[in-house]
N, C-alpha and C. Protein backbone atom coordinates (compact mmCIF):
# COMPACT_ATOMS: atom_id res chain seq x y z
N MET A 1 234.70 28.60 -37.73
CA MET A 1 233.82 28.64 -38.89
C MET A 1 233.95 27.31 -39.63
N ARG A 2 232.84 26.58 -39.68
CA ARG A 2 232.85 25.30 -40.39
C ARG A 2 231.83 25.36 -41.51
N ILE A 3 232.33 25.35 -42.73
CA ILE A 3 231.48 25.38 -43.91
C ILE A 3 231.78 24.12 -44.72
N SER A 4 230.75 23.31 -44.91
CA SER A 4 230.87 22.12 -45.74
C SER A 4 230.18 22.36 -47.07
N VAL A 5 230.51 21.53 -48.03
CA VAL A 5 229.89 21.58 -49.35
C VAL A 5 229.38 20.17 -49.65
N LYS A 6 228.14 20.10 -50.13
CA LYS A 6 227.54 18.78 -50.35
C LYS A 6 226.54 18.86 -51.50
N ARG A 7 226.47 17.80 -52.25
CA ARG A 7 225.47 17.73 -53.32
C ARG A 7 224.09 17.60 -52.69
N VAL A 8 223.14 18.37 -53.14
CA VAL A 8 221.82 18.42 -52.53
C VAL A 8 221.09 17.08 -52.62
N TYR A 9 221.47 16.24 -53.57
CA TYR A 9 220.84 14.94 -53.73
C TYR A 9 221.35 13.91 -52.71
N GLU A 10 222.43 14.21 -52.01
CA GLU A 10 222.95 13.30 -50.99
C GLU A 10 222.03 13.33 -49.77
N THR A 11 222.01 12.24 -49.03
CA THR A 11 221.19 12.15 -47.84
C THR A 11 221.66 13.16 -46.79
N PRO A 12 220.72 13.92 -46.21
CA PRO A 12 221.10 14.86 -45.15
C PRO A 12 221.72 14.10 -43.97
N GLY A 13 222.70 14.74 -43.33
CA GLY A 13 223.37 14.12 -42.21
C GLY A 13 223.31 15.01 -40.97
N GLY A 14 223.49 14.41 -39.83
CA GLY A 14 223.43 15.15 -38.57
C GLY A 14 224.51 16.20 -38.45
N ALA A 15 225.64 16.00 -39.12
CA ALA A 15 226.75 16.95 -39.04
C ALA A 15 226.60 18.11 -40.02
N ASP A 16 225.53 18.10 -40.83
CA ASP A 16 225.36 19.15 -41.83
C ASP A 16 225.15 20.53 -41.21
N GLY A 17 224.56 20.59 -40.05
CA GLY A 17 224.23 21.89 -39.48
C GLY A 17 223.11 22.52 -40.29
N THR A 18 223.21 23.81 -40.51
CA THR A 18 222.22 24.52 -41.32
C THR A 18 222.49 24.24 -42.79
N ARG A 19 221.46 23.78 -43.49
CA ARG A 19 221.59 23.39 -44.90
C ARG A 19 221.09 24.53 -45.78
N VAL A 20 222.00 25.03 -46.65
CA VAL A 20 221.69 26.20 -47.46
C VAL A 20 221.91 25.88 -48.94
N LEU A 21 220.84 25.95 -49.72
CA LEU A 21 220.95 25.79 -51.16
C LEU A 21 221.47 27.09 -51.75
N VAL A 22 222.54 27.00 -52.56
CA VAL A 22 223.17 28.20 -53.12
C VAL A 22 223.14 28.19 -54.65
N ASP A 23 222.18 27.48 -55.22
CA ASP A 23 221.97 27.48 -56.66
C ASP A 23 220.82 28.43 -57.00
N ARG A 24 220.85 28.99 -58.19
CA ARG A 24 219.79 29.90 -58.63
C ARG A 24 218.51 29.12 -58.99
N LEU A 25 218.68 27.91 -59.51
CA LEU A 25 217.55 27.09 -59.93
C LEU A 25 217.31 25.96 -58.94
N TRP A 26 216.03 25.60 -58.75
CA TRP A 26 215.71 24.47 -57.87
C TRP A 26 216.20 23.18 -58.52
N PRO A 27 216.79 22.26 -57.74
CA PRO A 27 217.31 21.00 -58.30
C PRO A 27 216.22 20.15 -58.94
N ARG A 28 216.52 19.64 -60.12
CA ARG A 28 215.56 18.82 -60.85
C ARG A 28 215.17 17.56 -60.09
N GLY A 29 213.87 17.29 -60.09
CA GLY A 29 213.37 16.03 -59.55
C GLY A 29 213.50 15.88 -58.05
N LEU A 30 213.71 16.95 -57.33
CA LEU A 30 213.91 16.86 -55.88
C LEU A 30 212.78 17.58 -55.16
N SER A 31 212.10 16.87 -54.27
CA SER A 31 211.02 17.50 -53.51
C SER A 31 211.63 18.34 -52.38
N LYS A 32 210.87 19.32 -51.93
CA LYS A 32 211.35 20.17 -50.84
C LYS A 32 211.56 19.34 -49.57
N GLU A 33 210.71 18.35 -49.35
CA GLU A 33 210.84 17.51 -48.16
C GLU A 33 212.15 16.70 -48.20
N ARG A 34 212.42 16.07 -49.34
CA ARG A 34 213.61 15.25 -49.46
C ARG A 34 214.90 16.09 -49.40
N ALA A 35 214.82 17.31 -49.89
CA ALA A 35 216.00 18.18 -49.90
C ALA A 35 216.40 18.60 -48.49
N ALA A 36 215.44 18.71 -47.60
CA ALA A 36 215.70 19.13 -46.21
C ALA A 36 216.56 20.39 -46.15
N ILE A 37 216.12 21.41 -46.88
CA ILE A 37 216.86 22.67 -46.96
C ILE A 37 216.31 23.64 -45.92
N ASP A 38 217.22 24.29 -45.19
CA ASP A 38 216.81 25.29 -44.21
C ASP A 38 216.65 26.67 -44.85
N HIS A 39 217.51 26.98 -45.82
CA HIS A 39 217.48 28.28 -46.50
C HIS A 39 217.85 28.09 -47.96
N TRP A 40 217.31 28.96 -48.80
CA TRP A 40 217.66 28.98 -50.22
C TRP A 40 218.08 30.41 -50.56
N PHE A 41 219.38 30.60 -50.75
CA PHE A 41 219.92 31.92 -51.06
C PHE A 41 220.29 31.99 -52.54
N LYS A 42 219.27 32.07 -53.39
CA LYS A 42 219.53 32.08 -54.84
C LYS A 42 220.16 33.39 -55.29
N ASP A 43 220.02 34.45 -54.50
CA ASP A 43 220.60 35.75 -54.89
C ASP A 43 222.13 35.77 -54.85
N ILE A 44 222.73 34.81 -54.15
CA ILE A 44 224.20 34.78 -54.10
C ILE A 44 224.77 33.75 -55.08
N ALA A 45 223.90 33.10 -55.83
CA ALA A 45 224.35 32.17 -56.87
C ALA A 45 224.94 32.97 -58.03
N PRO A 46 225.73 32.32 -58.86
CA PRO A 46 226.25 33.02 -60.05
C PRO A 46 225.10 33.53 -60.92
N SER A 47 225.32 34.63 -61.61
CA SER A 47 224.31 35.16 -62.52
C SER A 47 223.99 34.12 -63.59
N ASP A 48 222.82 34.26 -64.19
CA ASP A 48 222.44 33.33 -65.27
C ASP A 48 223.49 33.35 -66.38
N GLU A 49 223.98 34.55 -66.70
CA GLU A 49 224.98 34.67 -67.77
C GLU A 49 226.25 33.90 -67.44
N LEU A 50 226.73 34.06 -66.20
CA LEU A 50 227.96 33.37 -65.80
C LEU A 50 227.74 31.86 -65.73
N ARG A 51 226.62 31.46 -65.19
CA ARG A 51 226.31 30.03 -65.07
C ARG A 51 226.27 29.38 -66.45
N LYS A 52 225.60 30.02 -67.40
CA LYS A 52 225.50 29.47 -68.75
C LYS A 52 226.85 29.48 -69.45
N TRP A 53 227.63 30.53 -69.27
CA TRP A 53 228.96 30.61 -69.89
C TRP A 53 229.85 29.47 -69.37
N PHE A 54 229.84 29.24 -68.06
CA PHE A 54 230.68 28.21 -67.45
C PHE A 54 230.28 26.83 -67.96
N GLY A 55 229.00 26.51 -67.91
CA GLY A 55 228.52 25.23 -68.41
C GLY A 55 229.19 24.02 -67.78
N HIS A 56 229.73 24.18 -66.58
CA HIS A 56 230.44 23.10 -65.86
C HIS A 56 231.61 22.54 -66.66
N ASP A 57 232.27 23.41 -67.42
CA ASP A 57 233.43 23.03 -68.21
C ASP A 57 234.69 23.27 -67.37
N PRO A 58 235.37 22.21 -66.92
CA PRO A 58 236.56 22.38 -66.08
C PRO A 58 237.63 23.26 -66.72
N ALA A 59 237.66 23.34 -68.05
CA ALA A 59 238.64 24.19 -68.72
C ALA A 59 238.37 25.67 -68.44
N ARG A 60 237.15 26.00 -68.05
CA ARG A 60 236.78 27.39 -67.75
C ARG A 60 236.78 27.68 -66.25
N TRP A 61 237.23 26.72 -65.45
CA TRP A 61 237.14 26.81 -64.00
C TRP A 61 237.83 28.06 -63.43
N ALA A 62 239.07 28.30 -63.78
CA ALA A 62 239.81 29.44 -63.21
C ALA A 62 239.12 30.76 -63.52
N GLU A 63 238.68 30.91 -64.75
CA GLU A 63 237.98 32.15 -65.13
C GLU A 63 236.62 32.25 -64.45
N PHE A 64 235.93 31.11 -64.30
CA PHE A 64 234.65 31.10 -63.59
C PHE A 64 234.85 31.58 -62.15
N ARG A 65 235.87 31.06 -61.49
CA ARG A 65 236.15 31.46 -60.10
C ARG A 65 236.41 32.97 -60.03
N ARG A 66 237.23 33.47 -60.95
CA ARG A 66 237.54 34.90 -60.94
C ARG A 66 236.27 35.75 -61.11
N ARG A 67 235.46 35.37 -62.10
CA ARG A 67 234.23 36.13 -62.38
C ARG A 67 233.22 36.02 -61.24
N TYR A 68 233.11 34.83 -60.66
CA TYR A 68 232.15 34.65 -59.55
C TYR A 68 232.60 35.43 -58.32
N TYR A 69 233.89 35.46 -58.02
CA TYR A 69 234.42 36.30 -56.94
C TYR A 69 234.01 37.75 -57.17
N ALA A 70 234.16 38.22 -58.41
CA ALA A 70 233.79 39.61 -58.74
C ALA A 70 232.30 39.84 -58.50
N GLU A 71 231.47 38.88 -58.88
CA GLU A 71 230.04 39.01 -58.62
C GLU A 71 229.75 39.04 -57.12
N LEU A 72 230.42 38.16 -56.37
CA LEU A 72 230.20 38.13 -54.93
C LEU A 72 230.64 39.42 -54.25
N ASP A 73 231.70 40.03 -54.76
CA ASP A 73 232.14 41.33 -54.22
C ASP A 73 231.03 42.37 -54.30
N GLU A 74 230.15 42.23 -55.29
CA GLU A 74 229.05 43.18 -55.48
C GLU A 74 227.78 42.77 -54.72
N LYS A 75 227.82 41.64 -54.03
CA LYS A 75 226.62 41.11 -53.36
C LYS A 75 226.79 41.04 -51.84
N GLN A 76 227.49 41.98 -51.26
CA GLN A 76 227.77 41.91 -49.82
C GLN A 76 226.50 41.92 -48.97
N ASP A 77 225.50 42.69 -49.35
CA ASP A 77 224.24 42.71 -48.60
C ASP A 77 223.56 41.35 -48.64
N ALA A 78 223.56 40.72 -49.80
CA ALA A 78 222.93 39.41 -49.96
C ALA A 78 223.69 38.33 -49.19
N LEU A 79 225.00 38.54 -48.97
CA LEU A 79 225.81 37.56 -48.24
C LEU A 79 225.63 37.65 -46.72
N MET A 80 225.12 38.76 -46.23
CA MET A 80 225.02 38.96 -44.77
C MET A 80 224.24 37.86 -44.05
N PRO A 81 223.06 37.46 -44.54
CA PRO A 81 222.35 36.38 -43.83
C PRO A 81 223.16 35.09 -43.75
N LEU A 82 223.89 34.77 -44.80
CA LEU A 82 224.72 33.56 -44.79
C LEU A 82 225.86 33.72 -43.79
N ARG A 83 226.50 34.87 -43.78
CA ARG A 83 227.58 35.11 -42.81
C ARG A 83 227.06 34.98 -41.38
N GLN A 84 225.85 35.44 -41.13
CA GLN A 84 225.26 35.32 -39.79
C GLN A 84 225.04 33.87 -39.41
N LEU A 85 224.54 33.07 -40.35
CA LEU A 85 224.35 31.65 -40.08
C LEU A 85 225.67 30.96 -39.77
N ILE A 86 226.71 31.31 -40.52
CA ILE A 86 228.02 30.71 -40.31
C ILE A 86 228.55 31.05 -38.92
N GLY A 87 228.24 32.24 -38.44
CA GLY A 87 228.66 32.63 -37.10
C GLY A 87 227.93 31.88 -35.99
N GLN A 88 226.81 31.25 -36.33
CA GLN A 88 226.00 30.55 -35.33
C GLN A 88 226.32 29.07 -35.23
N GLY A 89 227.04 28.52 -36.21
CA GLY A 89 227.34 27.09 -36.16
C GLY A 89 227.65 26.54 -37.54
N PRO A 90 227.77 25.22 -37.64
CA PRO A 90 228.12 24.59 -38.92
C PRO A 90 227.07 24.88 -40.00
N VAL A 91 227.55 25.09 -41.21
CA VAL A 91 226.69 25.34 -42.37
C VAL A 91 227.16 24.44 -43.51
N THR A 92 226.20 23.85 -44.22
CA THR A 92 226.51 23.07 -45.41
C THR A 92 225.92 23.79 -46.61
N LEU A 93 226.78 24.13 -47.57
CA LEU A 93 226.35 24.76 -48.81
C LEU A 93 225.96 23.65 -49.77
N LEU A 94 224.75 23.69 -50.27
CA LEU A 94 224.22 22.64 -51.13
C LEU A 94 224.17 23.09 -52.59
N PHE A 95 224.53 22.17 -53.48
CA PHE A 95 224.54 22.44 -54.92
C PHE A 95 223.97 21.22 -55.64
N ALA A 96 223.54 21.41 -56.89
CA ALA A 96 222.95 20.31 -57.65
C ALA A 96 223.88 19.71 -58.70
N ALA A 97 224.92 20.42 -59.08
CA ALA A 97 225.81 19.96 -60.16
C ALA A 97 226.38 18.57 -59.87
N ARG A 98 226.65 17.84 -60.93
CA ARG A 98 227.24 16.49 -60.77
C ARG A 98 228.70 16.55 -60.35
N ASP A 99 229.40 17.58 -60.79
CA ASP A 99 230.83 17.72 -60.51
C ASP A 99 231.00 18.33 -59.11
N ASP A 100 231.53 17.54 -58.19
CA ASP A 100 231.64 18.02 -56.81
C ASP A 100 232.89 18.86 -56.56
N GLN A 101 233.73 19.06 -57.58
CA GLN A 101 234.92 19.89 -57.42
C GLN A 101 234.85 21.20 -58.18
N HIS A 102 234.02 21.27 -59.21
CA HIS A 102 233.92 22.46 -60.05
C HIS A 102 232.48 22.97 -60.04
N ASN A 103 232.11 23.65 -58.97
CA ASN A 103 230.76 24.20 -58.87
C ASN A 103 230.78 25.47 -58.01
N ASN A 104 229.70 26.21 -58.06
CA ASN A 104 229.64 27.49 -57.36
C ASN A 104 229.75 27.37 -55.85
N ALA A 105 229.27 26.28 -55.26
CA ALA A 105 229.35 26.13 -53.80
C ALA A 105 230.81 26.04 -53.34
N VAL A 106 231.65 25.38 -54.11
CA VAL A 106 233.07 25.28 -53.79
C VAL A 106 233.71 26.68 -53.81
N VAL A 107 233.37 27.46 -54.83
CA VAL A 107 233.92 28.82 -54.94
C VAL A 107 233.39 29.68 -53.80
N LEU A 108 232.12 29.56 -53.48
CA LEU A 108 231.53 30.36 -52.41
C LEU A 108 232.20 30.05 -51.07
N ARG A 109 232.45 28.78 -50.79
CA ARG A 109 233.15 28.41 -49.55
C ARG A 109 234.54 29.05 -49.51
N GLU A 110 235.28 28.99 -50.62
CA GLU A 110 236.60 29.62 -50.69
C GLU A 110 236.50 31.12 -50.45
N TYR A 111 235.52 31.74 -51.10
CA TYR A 111 235.33 33.18 -50.98
C TYR A 111 235.07 33.58 -49.53
N LEU A 112 234.20 32.85 -48.86
CA LEU A 112 233.87 33.16 -47.47
C LEU A 112 235.07 32.96 -46.55
N ALA A 113 235.87 31.94 -46.83
CA ALA A 113 237.07 31.70 -46.03
C ALA A 113 238.12 32.78 -46.27
N ASP A 114 238.21 33.27 -47.50
CA ASP A 114 239.21 34.31 -47.85
C ASP A 114 238.83 35.67 -47.31
N ARG A 115 237.56 35.92 -47.15
CA ARG A 115 237.09 37.26 -46.78
C ARG A 115 236.36 37.23 -45.47
């Protein structure tokens, strides 16, 4: 199982495999062509409430991870298509946030590896 995490604004690469956007909102200023996204699974993104509460504040990171794990535990049906893609080959989880260490794609990769 190879799951990468990459900012959606970065140039797509041959090693990306299947490119999956995991944000609830479409990235600002990015055309669908330039994004080169294979799938958009917005249903597995953090809830609007959690996303707004977190606000990309690193001080809230641990609690964000805990809460997002709890949300993902309730979204097993929505996670199935992603799990199937991961079983077929490399997958890159795409996110729009500027912080490449504190974002939902990082937590989602950890969650999938743990479970």
